[in-house]
PDB file of N, CA and C in Angstrom:
ATOM      1  N   UNK A   1      -8.252-101.431  23.060  1.00  0.00           N
ATOM      2  CA  UNK A   1      -8.059-100.264  23.895  1.00  0.00           C
ATOM      3  C   UNK A   1      -6.761-100.382  24.682  1.00  0.00           C
ATOM      4  N   UNK A   2      -6.502-101.573  25.260  1.00  0.00           N
ATOM      5  CA  UNK A   2      -5.305-101.783  26.040  1.00  0.00           C
ATOM      6  C   UNK A   2      -4.029-101.611  25.205  1.00  0.00           C
ATOM      7  N   UNK A   3      -4.054-102.145  23.963  1.00  0.00           N
ATOM      8  CA  UNK A   3      -2.910-102.004  23.082  1.00  0.00           C
ATOM      9  C   UNK A   3      -2.671-100.559  22.718  1.00  0.00           C
ATOM     10  N   UNK A   4      -3.769 -99.805  22.458  1.00  0.00           N
ATOM     11  CA  UNK A   4      -3.627 -98.398  22.114  1.00  0.00           C
ATOM     12  C   UNK A   4      -3.052 -97.625  23.292  1.00  0.00           C
ATOM     13  N   UNK A   5      -3.517 -97.886  24.501  1.00  0.00           N
ATOM     14  CA  UNK A   5      -3.003 -97.204  25.675  1.00  0.00           C
ATOM     15  C   UNK A   5      -1.544 -97.534  25.875  1.00  0.00           C
ATOM     16  N   UNK A   6      -1.151 -98.793  25.715  1.00  0.00           N
ATOM     17  CA  UNK A   6       0.261 -99.181  25.853  1.00  0.00           C
ATOM     18  C   UNK A   6       1.130 -98.506  24.834  1.00  0.00           C
ATOM     19  N   UNK A   7       0.668 -98.426  23.592  1.00  0.00           N
ATOM     20  CA  UNK A   7       1.450 -97.767  22.538  1.00  0.00           C
ATOM     21  C   UNK A   7       1.625 -96.304  22.858  1.00  0.00           C
ATOM     22  N   UNK A   8       0.566 -95.640  23.354  1.00  0.00           N
ATOM     23  CA  UNK A   8       0.670 -94.243  23.694  1.00  0.00           C
ATOM     24  C   UNK A   8       1.651 -94.020  24.803  1.00  0.00           C
ATOM     25  N   UNK A   9       1.653 -94.863  25.800  1.00  0.00           N
ATOM     26  CA  UNK A   9       2.578 -94.723  26.930  1.00  0.00           C
ATOM     27  C   UNK A   9       4.033 -94.883  26.429  1.00  0.00           C
ATOM     28  N   UNK A  10       4.248 -95.869  25.589  1.00  0.00           N
ATOM     29  CA  UNK A  10       5.588 -96.084  25.049  1.00  0.00           C
ATOM     30  C   UNK A  10       6.048 -94.906  24.231  1.00  0.00           C
ATOM     31  N   UNK A  11       5.173 -94.361  23.382  1.00  0.00           N
ATOM     32  CA  UNK A  11       5.526 -93.212  22.555  1.00  0.00           C
ATOM     33  C   UNK A  11       5.806 -91.968  23.404  1.00  0.00           C
ATOM     34  N   UNK A  12       4.990 -91.753  24.434  1.00  0.00           N
ATOM     35  CA  UNK A  12       5.235 -90.613  25.325  1.00  0.00           C
ATOM     36  C   UNK A  12       6.553 -90.785  26.067  1.00  0.00           C
ATOM     37  N   UNK A  13       6.861 -91.966  26.503  1.00  0.00           N
ATOM     38  CA  UNK A  13       8.123 -92.227  27.158  1.00  0.00           C
ATOM     39  C   UNK A  13       9.285 -91.929  26.220  1.00  0.00           C
ATOM     40  N   UNK A  14       9.137 -92.320  24.982  1.00  0.00           N
ATOM     41  CA  UNK A  14      10.167 -92.038  23.963  1.00  0.00           C
ATOM     42  C   UNK A  14      10.355 -90.551  23.784  1.00  0.00           C
ATOM     43  N   UNK A  15       9.255 -89.802  23.777  1.00  0.00           N
ATOM     44  CA  UNK A  15       9.356 -88.337  23.658  1.00  0.00           C
ATOM     45  C   UNK A  15      10.120 -87.746  24.822  1.00  0.00           C
ATOM     46  N   UNK A  16       9.856 -88.232  26.022  1.00  0.00           N
ATOM     47  CA  UNK A  16      10.522 -87.709  27.219  1.00  0.00           C
ATOM     48  C   UNK A  16      12.011 -88.050  27.181  1.00  0.00           C
ATOM     49  N   UNK A  17      12.365 -89.237  26.729  1.00  0.00           N
ATOM     50  CA  UNK A  17      13.771 -89.627  26.671  1.00  0.00           C
ATOM     51  C   UNK A  17      14.524 -88.771  25.659  1.00  0.00           C
ATOM     52  N   UNK A  18      13.912 -88.574  24.479  1.00  0.00           N
ATOM     53  CA  UNK A  18      14.541 -87.805  23.426  1.00  0.00           C
ATOM     54  C   UNK A  18      14.755 -86.362  23.841  1.00  0.00           C
ATOM     55  N   UNK A  19      13.798 -85.812  24.593  1.00  0.00           N
ATOM     56  CA  UNK A  19      13.840 -84.378  24.890  1.00  0.00           C
ATOM     57  C   UNK A  19      14.406 -84.045  26.258  1.00  0.00           C
ATOM     58  N   UNK A  20      14.963 -84.989  26.982  1.00  0.00           N
ATOM     59  CA  UNK A  20      15.388 -84.722  28.346  1.00  0.00           C
ATOM     60  C   UNK A  20      16.781 -84.079  28.438  1.00  0.00           C
ATOM     61  N   UNK A  21      17.545 -84.035  27.360  1.00  0.00           N
ATOM     62  CA  UNK A  21      18.884 -83.449  27.407  1.00  0.00           C
ATOM     63  C   UNK A  21      18.876 -81.954  27.357  1.00  0.00           C
ATOM     64  N   UNK A  22      19.937 -81.342  27.811  1.00  0.00           N
ATOM     65  CA  UNK A  22      20.076 -79.897  27.768  1.00  0.00           C
ATOM     66  C   UNK A  22      20.747 -79.500  26.472  1.00  0.00           C
ATOM     67  N   UNK A  23      20.344 -78.359  25.943  1.00  0.00           N
ATOM     68  CA  UNK A  23      20.940 -77.868  24.706  1.00  0.00           C
ATOM     69  C   UNK A  23      22.157 -77.010  24.996  1.00  0.00           C
ATOM     70  N   UNK A  24      23.118 -77.044  24.137  1.00  0.00           N
ATOM     71  CA  UNK A  24      24.300 -76.232  24.281  1.00  0.00           C
ATOM     72  C   UNK A  24      24.488 -75.427  22.992  1.00  0.00           C
ATOM     73  N   UNK A  25      24.160 -74.167  23.061  1.00  0.00           N
ATOM     74  CA  UNK A  25      24.377 -73.332  21.865  1.00  0.00           C
ATOM     75  C   UNK A  25      25.433 -72.291  22.191  1.00  0.00           C
ATOM     76  N   UNK A  26      26.322 -72.133  21.287  1.00  0.00           N
ATOM     77  CA  UNK A  26      27.392 -71.159  21.449  1.00  0.00           C
ATOM     78  C   UNK A  26      26.980 -69.828  20.843  1.00  0.00           C
ATOM     79  N   UNK A  27      27.449 -68.758  21.441  1.00  0.00           N
ATOM     80  CA  UNK A  27      27.141 -67.423  20.949  1.00  0.00           C
ATOM     81  C   UNK A  27      27.589 -67.299  19.483  1.00  0.00           C
ATOM     82  N   UNK A  28      26.700 -66.777  18.678  1.00  0.00           N
ATOM     83  CA  UNK A  28      27.007 -66.559  17.281  1.00  0.00           C
ATOM     84  C   UNK A  28      26.808 -67.779  16.374  1.00  0.00           C
ATOM     85  N   UNK A  29      26.526 -68.922  16.978  1.00  0.00           N
ATOM     86  CA  UNK A  29      26.304 -70.154  16.193  1.00  0.00           C
ATOM     87  C   UNK A  29      24.956 -70.090  15.491  1.00  0.00           C
ATOM     88  N   UNK A  30      24.956 -70.443  14.217  1.00  0.00           N
ATOM     89  CA  UNK A  30      23.708 -70.488  13.458  1.00  0.00           C
ATOM     90  C   UNK A  30      22.909 -71.712  13.860  1.00  0.00           C
ATOM     91  N   UNK A  31      21.656 -71.515  14.169  1.00  0.00           N
ATOM     92  CA  UNK A  31      20.803 -72.599  14.632  1.00  0.00           C
ATOM     93  C   UNK A  31      19.914 -73.075  13.490  1.00  0.00           C
ATOM     94  N   UNK A  32      19.886 -74.344  13.255  1.00  0.00           N
ATOM     95  CA  UNK A  32      19.054 -74.929  12.216  1.00  0.00           C
ATOM     96  C   UNK A  32      17.723 -75.385  12.813  1.00  0.00           C
ATOM     97  N   UNK A  33      16.648 -74.714  12.395  1.00  0.00           N
ATOM     98  CA  UNK A  33      15.323 -75.108  12.859  1.00  0.00           C
ATOM     99  C   UNK A  33      15.003 -76.555  12.491  1.00  0.00           C
ATOM    100  N   UNK A  34      15.437 -76.956  11.307  1.00  0.00           N
ATOM    101  CA  UNK A  34      15.198 -78.321  10.860  1.00  0.00           C
ATOM    102  C   UNK A  34      15.893 -79.312  11.790  1.00  0.00           C
ATOM    103  N   UNK A  35      17.150 -79.034  12.112  1.00  0.00           N
ATOM    104  CA  UNK A  35      17.907 -79.911  13.007  1.00  0.00           C
ATOM    105  C   UNK A  35      17.278 -79.955  14.394  1.00  0.00           C
ATOM    106  N   UNK A  36      16.941 -78.784  14.926  1.00  0.00           N
ATOM    107  CA  UNK A  36      16.344 -78.716  16.263  1.00  0.00           C
ATOM    108  C   UNK A  36      14.988 -79.423  16.308  1.00  0.00           C
ATOM    109  N   UNK A  37      14.194 -79.248  15.248  1.00  0.00           N
ATOM    110  CA  UNK A  37      12.907 -79.939  15.155  1.00  0.00           C
ATOM    111  C   UNK A  37      13.117 -81.454  15.181  1.00  0.00           C
ATOM    112  N   UNK A  38      14.070 -81.919  14.375  1.00  0.00           N
ATOM    113  CA  UNK A  38      14.371 -83.353  14.326  1.00  0.00           C
ATOM    114  C   UNK A  38      14.830 -83.870  15.688  1.00  0.00           C
ATOM    115  N   UNK A  39      15.599 -83.081  16.412  1.00  0.00           N
ATOM    116  CA  UNK A  39      16.124 -83.491  17.715  1.00  0.00           C
ATOM    117  C   UNK A  39      15.047 -83.502  18.808  1.00  0.00           C
ATOM    118  N   UNK A  40      14.183 -82.504  18.813  1.00  0.00           N
ATOM    119  CA  UNK A  40      13.268 -82.327  19.938  1.00  0.00           C
ATOM    120  C   UNK A  40      11.804 -82.610  19.639  1.00  0.00           C
ATOM    121  N   UNK A  41      11.376 -82.562  18.385  1.00  0.00           N
ATOM    122  CA  UNK A  41       9.959 -82.572  18.080  1.00  0.00           C
ATOM    123  C   UNK A  41       9.488 -83.722  17.211  1.00  0.00           C
ATOM    124  N   UNK A  42      10.346 -84.183  16.308  1.00  0.00           N
ATOM    125  CA  UNK A  42       9.943 -85.119  15.265  1.00  0.00           C
ATOM    126  C   UNK A  42       9.423 -86.446  15.799  1.00  0.00           C
ATOM    127  N   UNK A  43       9.868 -86.865  16.985  1.00  0.00           N
ATOM    128  CA  UNK A  43       9.403 -88.139  17.552  1.00  0.00           C
ATOM    129  C   UNK A  43       7.895 -88.131  17.709  1.00  0.00           C
ATOM    130  N   UNK A  44       7.354 -87.046  18.219  1.00  0.00           N
ATOM    131  CA  UNK A  44       5.913 -86.926  18.442  1.00  0.00           C
ATOM    132  C   UNK A  44       5.190 -86.224  17.285  1.00  0.00           C
ATOM    133  N   UNK A  45       5.935 -85.500  16.445  1.00  0.00           N
ATOM    134  CA  UNK A  45       5.344 -84.770  15.330  1.00  0.00           C
ATOM    135  C   UNK A  45       5.985 -85.175  14.005  1.00  0.00           C
ATOM    136  N   UNK A  46       5.978 -86.465  13.655  1.00  0.00           N
ATOM    137  CA  UNK A  46       6.574 -86.865  12.379  1.00  0.00           C
ATOM    138  C   UNK A  46       5.840 -86.217  11.208  1.00  0.00           C
ATOM    139  N   UNK A  47       6.574 -85.638  10.304  1.00  0.00           N
ATOM    140  CA  UNK A  47       6.026 -84.983   9.097  1.00  0.00           C
ATOM    141  C   UNK A  47       4.938 -83.958   9.449  1.00  0.00           C
ATOM    142  N   UNK A  48       5.059 -83.343  10.641  1.00  0.00           N
ATOM    143  CA  UNK A  48       4.116 -82.309  11.047  1.00  0.00           C
ATOM    144  C   UNK A  48       2.824 -82.863  11.641  1.00  0.00           C
ATOM    145  N   UNK A  49       2.756 -84.186  11.801  1.00  0.00           N
ATOM    146  CA  UNK A  49       1.574 -84.773  12.415  1.00  0.00           C
ATOM    147  C   UNK A  49       1.609 -84.657  13.925  1.00  0.00           C
ATOM    148  N   UNK A  50       0.847 -85.494  14.589  1.00  0.00           N
ATOM    149  CA  UNK A  50       0.838 -85.504  16.055  1.00  0.00           C
ATOM    150  C   UNK A  50       0.402 -86.879  16.497  1.00  0.00           C
ATOM    151  N   UNK A  51       1.301 -87.674  17.040  1.00  0.00           N
ATOM    152  CA  UNK A  51       0.989 -89.039  17.452  1.00  0.00           C
ATOM    153  C   UNK A  51       0.210 -89.078  18.748  1.00  0.00           C
ATOM    154  N   UNK A  52       0.220 -88.040  19.515  1.00  0.00           N
ATOM    155  CA  UNK A  52      -0.494 -87.988  20.780  1.00  0.00           C
ATOM    156  C   UNK A  52      -1.934 -87.532  20.572  1.00  0.00           C
ATOM    157  N   UNK A  53      -2.113 -86.468  19.793  1.00  0.00           N
ATOM    158  CA  UNK A  53      -3.436 -85.920  19.527  1.00  0.00           C
ATOM    159  C   UNK A  53      -3.546 -85.600  18.014  1.00  0.00           C
ATOM    160  N   UNK A  54      -4.113 -86.525  17.286  1.00  0.00           N
ATOM    161  CA  UNK A  54      -4.187 -86.402  15.830  1.00  0.00           C
ATOM    162  C   UNK A  54      -4.985 -85.160  15.403  1.00  0.00           C
ATOM    163  N   UNK A  55      -5.758 -84.581  16.275  1.00  0.00           N
ATOM    164  CA  UNK A  55      -6.543 -83.383  15.960  1.00  0.00           C
ATOM    165  C   UNK A  55      -5.694 -82.110  16.019  1.00  0.00           C
ATOM    166  N   UNK A  56      -4.445 -82.218  16.491  1.00  0.00           N
ATOM    167  CA  UNK A  56      -3.572 -81.053  16.620  1.00  0.00           C
ATOM    168  C   UNK A  56      -2.225 -81.240  15.946  1.00  0.00           C
ATOM    169  N   UNK A  57      -2.254 -81.445  14.622  1.00  0.00           N
ATOM    170  CA  UNK A  57      -0.951 -81.521  13.888  1.00  0.00           C
ATOM    171  C   UNK A  57      -0.376 -80.125  13.742  1.00  0.00           C
ATOM    172  N   UNK A  58       0.782 -80.039  13.137  1.00  0.00           N
ATOM    173  CA  UNK A  58       1.510 -78.775  12.985  1.00  0.00           C
ATOM    174  C   UNK A  58       1.244 -78.089  11.641  1.00  0.00           C
ATOM    175  N   UNK A  59       0.243 -78.525  10.932  1.00  0.00           N
ATOM    176  CA  UNK A  59      -0.077 -77.917   9.634  1.00  0.00           C
ATOM    177  C   UNK A  59      -0.838 -76.614   9.831  1.00  0.00           C
ATOM    178  N   UNK A  60      -0.604 -75.680   8.959  1.00  0.00           N
ATOM    179  CA  UNK A  60      -1.120 -74.301   9.110  1.00  0.00           C
ATOM    180  C   UNK A  60      -2.611 -74.245   9.406  1.00  0.00           C
ATOM    181  N   UNK A  61      -3.401 -75.000   8.688  1.00  0.00           N
ATOM    182  CA  UNK A  61      -4.866 -74.967   8.865  1.00  0.00           C
ATOM    183  C   UNK A  61      -5.251 -75.319  10.289  1.00  0.00           C
ATOM    184  N   UNK A  62      -4.665 -76.397  10.805  1.00  0.00           N
ATOM    185  CA  UNK A  62      -5.012 -76.841  12.146  1.00  0.00           C
ATOM    186  C   UNK A  62      -4.389 -75.934  13.223  1.00  0.00           C
ATOM    187  N   UNK A  63      -3.156 -75.451  12.975  1.00  0.00           N
ATOM    188  CA  UNK A  63      -2.548 -74.508  13.918  1.00  0.00           C
ATOM    189  C   UNK A  63      -3.466 -73.285  14.062  1.00  0.00           C
ATOM    190  N   UNK A  64      -3.871 -72.710  12.945  1.00  0.00           N
ATOM    191  CA  UNK A  64      -4.737 -71.538  12.957  1.00  0.00           C
ATOM    192  C   UNK A  64      -6.047 -71.828  13.697  1.00  0.00           C
ATOM    193  N   UNK A  65      -6.628 -72.997  13.421  1.00  0.00           N
ATOM    194  CA  UNK A  65      -7.887 -73.359  14.072  1.00  0.00           C
ATOM    195  C   UNK A  65      -7.736 -73.473  15.570  1.00  0.00           C
ATOM    196  N   UNK A  66      -6.503 -73.771  16.038  1.00  0.00           N
ATOM    197  CA  UNK A  66      -6.227 -73.876  17.467  1.00  0.00           C
ATOM    198  C   UNK A  66      -5.625 -72.605  18.048  1.00  0.00           C
ATOM    199  N   UNK A  67      -5.698 -71.497  17.303  1.00  0.00           N
ATOM    200  CA  UNK A  67      -5.249 -70.203  17.786  1.00  0.00           C
ATOM    201  C   UNK A  67      -3.746 -70.021  17.743  1.00  0.00           C
ATOM    202  N   UNK A  68      -3.035 -70.849  16.993  1.00  0.00           N
ATOM    203  CA  UNK A  68      -1.592 -70.760  16.879  1.00  0.00           C
ATOM    204  C   UNK A  68      -1.280 -70.224  15.485  1.00  0.00           C
ATOM    205  N   UNK A  69      -0.888 -68.942  15.437  1.00  0.00           N
ATOM    206  CA  UNK A  69      -0.721 -68.290  14.138  1.00  0.00           C
ATOM    207  C   UNK A  69       0.664 -67.707  13.890  1.00  0.00           C
ATOM    208  N   UNK A  70       1.507 -67.693  14.893  1.00  0.00           N
ATOM    209  CA  UNK A  70       2.822 -67.067  14.737  1.00  0.00           C
ATOM    210  C   UNK A  70       3.904 -67.898  15.444  1.00  0.00           C
ATOM    211  N   UNK A  71       5.149 -67.547  15.186  1.00  0.00           N
ATOM    212  CA  UNK A  71       6.259 -68.196  15.883  1.00  0.00           C
ATOM    213  C   UNK A  71       6.119 -67.975  17.385  1.00  0.00           C
ATOM    214  N   UNK A  72       5.708 -66.797  17.785  1.00  0.00           N
ATOM    215  CA  UNK A  72       5.497 -66.499  19.210  1.00  0.00           C
ATOM    216  C   UNK A  72       4.453 -67.446  19.835  1.00  0.00           C
ATOM    217  N   UNK A  73       3.406 -67.725  19.099  1.00  0.00           N
ATOM    218  CA  UNK A  73       2.373 -68.637  19.588  1.00  0.00           C
ATOM    219  C   UNK A  73       2.919 -70.064  19.725  1.00  0.00           C
ATOM    220  N   UNK A  74       3.725 -70.503  18.773  1.00  0.00           N
ATOM    221  CA  UNK A  74       4.307 -71.847  18.844  1.00  0.00           C
ATOM    222  C   UNK A  74       5.247 -71.929  20.035  1.00  0.00           C
ATOM    223  N   UNK A  75       6.049 -70.933  20.243  1.00  0.00           N
ATOM    224  CA  UNK A  75       6.962 -70.916  21.385  1.00  0.00           C
ATOM    225  C   UNK A  75       6.191 -70.964  22.692  1.00  0.00           C
ATOM    226  N   UNK A  76       5.087 -70.215  22.769  1.00  0.00           N
ATOM    227  CA  UNK A  76       4.250 -70.242  23.973  1.00  0.00           C
ATOM    228  C   UNK A  76       3.733 -71.650  24.241  1.00  0.00           C
ATOM    229  N   UNK A  77       3.347 -72.360  23.189  1.00  0.00           N
ATOM    230  CA  UNK A  77       2.889 -73.762  23.346  1.00  0.00           C
ATOM    231  C   UNK A  77       4.015 -74.669  23.802  1.00  0.00           C
ATOM    232  N   UNK A  78       5.216 -74.433  23.293  1.00  0.00           N
ATOM    233  CA  UNK A  78       6.370 -75.240  23.697  1.00  0.00           C
ATOM    234  C   UNK A  78       6.655 -75.037  25.177  1.00  0.00           C
ATOM    235  N   UNK A  79       6.530 -73.801  25.636  1.00  0.00           N
ATOM    236  CA  UNK A  79       6.843 -73.457  27.037  1.00  0.00           C
ATOM    237  C   UNK A  79       5.758 -73.877  28.006  1.00  0.00           C
ATOM    238  N   UNK A  80       4.504 -73.839  27.532  1.00  0.00           N
ATOM    239  CA  UNK A  80       3.361 -74.182  28.383  1.00  0.00           C
ATOM    240  C   UNK A  80       2.340 -74.961  27.577  1.00  0.00           C
ATOM    241  N   UNK A  81       2.662 -76.221  27.289  1.00  0.00           N
ATOM    242  CA  UNK A  81       1.804 -77.033  26.425  1.00  0.00           C
ATOM    243  C   UNK A  81       0.556 -77.564  27.145  1.00  0.00           C
ATOM    244  N   UNK A  82      -0.324 -78.129  26.379  1.00  0.00           N
ATOM    245  CA  UNK A  82      -1.486 -78.761  26.926  1.00  0.00           C
ATOM    246  C   UNK A  82      -1.167 -80.220  27.307  1.00  0.00           C
ATOM    247  N   UNK A  83      -2.208 -80.946  27.696  1.00  0.00           N
ATOM    248  CA  UNK A  83      -2.028 -82.358  28.092  1.00  0.00           C
ATOM    249  C   UNK A  83      -1.403 -83.180  26.978  1.00  0.00           C
ATOM    250  N   UNK A  84      -0.459 -84.035  27.350  1.00  0.00           N
ATOM    251  CA  UNK A  84       0.154 -84.975  26.417  1.00  0.00           C
ATOM    252  C   UNK A  84       1.452 -84.516  25.793  1.00  0.00           C
ATOM    253  N   UNK A  85       1.775 -83.206  25.917  1.00  0.00           N
ATOM    254  CA  UNK A  85       2.990 -82.690  25.317  1.00  0.00           C
ATOM    255  C   UNK A  85       4.014 -82.372  26.396  1.00  0.00           C
ATOM    256  N   UNK A  86       5.249 -82.706  26.112  1.00  0.00           N
ATOM    257  CA  UNK A  86       6.359 -82.372  26.984  1.00  0.00           C
ATOM    258  C   UNK A  86       6.558 -80.870  27.062  1.00  0.00           C
ATOM    259  N   UNK A  87       6.808 -80.368  28.268  1.00  0.00           N
ATOM    260  CA  UNK A  87       7.097 -78.952  28.448  1.00  0.00           C
ATOM    261  C   UNK A  87       8.569 -78.707  28.145  1.00  0.00           C
ATOM    262  N   UNK A  88       8.861 -77.727  27.291  1.00  0.00           N
ATOM    263  CA  UNK A  88      10.223 -77.391  26.907  1.00  0.00           C
ATOM    264  C   UNK A  88      10.590 -76.052  27.526  1.00  0.00           C
ATOM    265  N   UNK A  89      11.288 -76.078  28.662  1.00  0.00           N
ATOM    266  CA  UNK A  89      11.715 -74.830  29.281  1.00  0.00           C
ATOM    267  C   UNK A  89      12.980 -74.299  28.600  1.00  0.00           C
ATOM    268  N   UNK A  90      13.435 -73.141  29.043  1.00  0.00           N
ATOM    269  CA  UNK A  90      14.600 -72.493  28.408  1.00  0.00           C
ATOM    270  C   UNK A  90      15.899 -73.271  28.638  1.00  0.00           C
ATOM    271  N   UNK A  91      15.940 -74.133  29.641  1.00  0.00           N
ATOM    272  CA  UNK A  91      17.132 -74.971  29.864  1.00  0.00           C
ATOM    273  C   UNK A  91      17.191 -76.105  28.836  1.00  0.00           C
ATOM    274  N   UNK A  92      16.034 -76.562  28.405  1.00  0.00           N
ATOM    275  CA  UNK A  92      15.975 -77.644  27.468  1.00  0.00           C
ATOM    276  C   UNK A  92      16.118 -77.134  26.022  1.00  0.00           C
ATOM    277  N   UNK A  93      15.391 -76.087  25.700  1.00  0.00           N
ATOM    278  CA  UNK A  93      15.437 -75.473  24.378  1.00  0.00           C
ATOM    279  C   UNK A  93      15.562 -73.970  24.593  1.00  0.00           C
ATOM    280  N   UNK A  94      16.665 -73.405  24.180  1.00  0.00           N
ATOM    281  CA  UNK A  94      16.889 -71.947  24.354  1.00  0.00           C
ATOM    282  C   UNK A  94      15.860 -71.170  23.558  1.00  0.00           C
ATOM    283  N   UNK A  95      15.744 -69.881  23.860  1.00  0.00           N
ATOM    284  CA  UNK A  95      14.804 -69.018  23.103  1.00  0.00           C
ATOM    285  C   UNK A  95      15.178 -68.967  21.644  1.00  0.00           C
ATOM    286  N   UNK A  96      16.465 -68.934  21.312  1.00  0.00           N
ATOM    287  CA  UNK A  96      16.894 -68.919  19.918  1.00  0.00           C
ATOM    288  C   UNK A  96      16.537 -70.219  19.212  1.00  0.00           C
ATOM    289  N   UNK A  97      16.747 -71.330  19.895  1.00  0.00           N
ATOM    290  CA  UNK A  97      16.399 -72.631  19.306  1.00  0.00           C
ATOM    291  C   UNK A  97      14.880 -72.746  19.131  1.00  0.00           C
ATOM    292  N   UNK A  98      14.121 -72.291  20.104  1.00  0.00           N
ATOM    293  CA  UNK A  98      12.672 -72.338  20.046  1.00  0.00           C
ATOM    294  C   UNK A  98      12.162 -71.504  18.861  1.00  0.00           C
ATOM    295  N   UNK A  99      12.765 -70.338  18.663  1.00  0.00           N
ATOM    296  CA  UNK A  99      12.368 -69.494  17.541  1.00  0.00           C
ATOM    297  C   UNK A  99      12.702 -70.168  16.222  1.00  0.00           C
ATOM    298  N   UNK A 100      13.869 -70.781  16.141  1.00  0.00           N
ATOM    299  CA  UNK A 100      14.253 -71.484  14.903  1.00  0.00           C
ATOM    300  C   UNK A 100      13.289 -72.634  14.602  1.00  0.00           C
ATOM    301  N   UNK A 101      12.888 -73.371  15.632  1.00  0.00           N
ATOM    302  CA  UNK A 101      11.933 -74.468  15.471  1.00  0.00           C
ATOM    303  C   UNK A 101      10.601 -73.922  14.995  1.00  0.00           C
ATOM    304  N   UNK A 102      10.134 -72.872  15.642  1.00  0.00           N
ATOM    305  CA  UNK A 102       8.817 -72.275  15.300  1.00  0.00           C
ATOM    306  C   UNK A 102       8.836 -71.785  13.834  1.00  0.00           C
ATOM    307  N   UNK A 103       9.871 -71.121  13.440  1.00  0.00           N
ATOM    308  CA  UNK A 103       9.950 -70.633  12.049  1.00  0.00           C
ATOM    309  C   UNK A 103      10.012 -71.780  11.071  1.00  0.00           C
ATOM    310  N   UNK A 104      10.731 -72.852  11.438  1.00  0.00           N
ATOM    311  CA  UNK A 104      10.785 -74.040  10.578  1.00  0.00           C
ATOM    312  C   UNK A 104       9.391 -74.641  10.414  1.00  0.00           C
ATOM    313  N   UNK A 105       8.659 -74.751  11.511  1.00  0.00           N
ATOM    314  CA  UNK A 105       7.298 -75.293  11.463  1.00  0.00           C
ATOM    315  C   UNK A 105       6.420 -74.472  10.526  1.00  0.00           C
ATOM    316  N   UNK A 106       6.454 -73.168  10.677  1.00  0.00           N
ATOM    317  CA  UNK A 106       5.618 -72.281   9.876  1.00  0.00           C
ATOM    318  C   UNK A 106       5.963 -72.371   8.385  1.00  0.00           C
ATOM    319  N   UNK A 107       7.232 -72.532   8.060  1.00  0.00           N
ATOM    320  CA  UNK A 107       7.693 -72.608   6.667  1.00  0.00           C
ATOM    321  C   UNK A 107       7.458 -73.982   6.048  1.00  0.00           C
ATOM    322  N   UNK A 108       7.537 -75.003   6.869  1.00  0.00           N
ATOM    323  CA  UNK A 108       7.548 -76.366   6.337  1.00  0.00           C
ATOM    324  C   UNK A 108       6.174 -77.029   6.263  1.00  0.00           C
ATOM    325  N   UNK A 109       5.371 -76.862   7.277  1.00  0.00           N
ATOM    326  CA  UNK A 109       4.096 -77.597   7.330  1.00  0.00           C
ATOM    327  C   UNK A 109       2.942 -76.665   6.998  1.00  0.00           C
ATOM    328  N   UNK A 110       2.782 -76.437   5.699  1.00  0.00           N
ATOM    329  CA  UNK A 110       1.739 -75.496   5.198  1.00  0.00           C
ATOM    330  C   UNK A 110       0.434 -76.152   4.985  1.00  0.00           C
TER     331      UNK A 110
END
């Protein structure tokens, strides 16, 4: 139990470090959902999984079961997540980047 708790704390700390920077997007710049996902999400969601809560991966079946069915729903979770997930405000991930990430998730993790 102690090792599991320590590993979880280390992984969560890693998520916070990876996601603490501010994004800089220029007007008209094409945003890659794959790149943004790798930068902000992949540490805690490798291959669409979930290292914090294995019951809530990013695969369509589980997203739907948890009431997440659209890009708008994914963005809402990013902005106001549940326990264990880092909150991504608009300063950290712009609305355009969030939409690109959400669309990437929906297309990739079926």
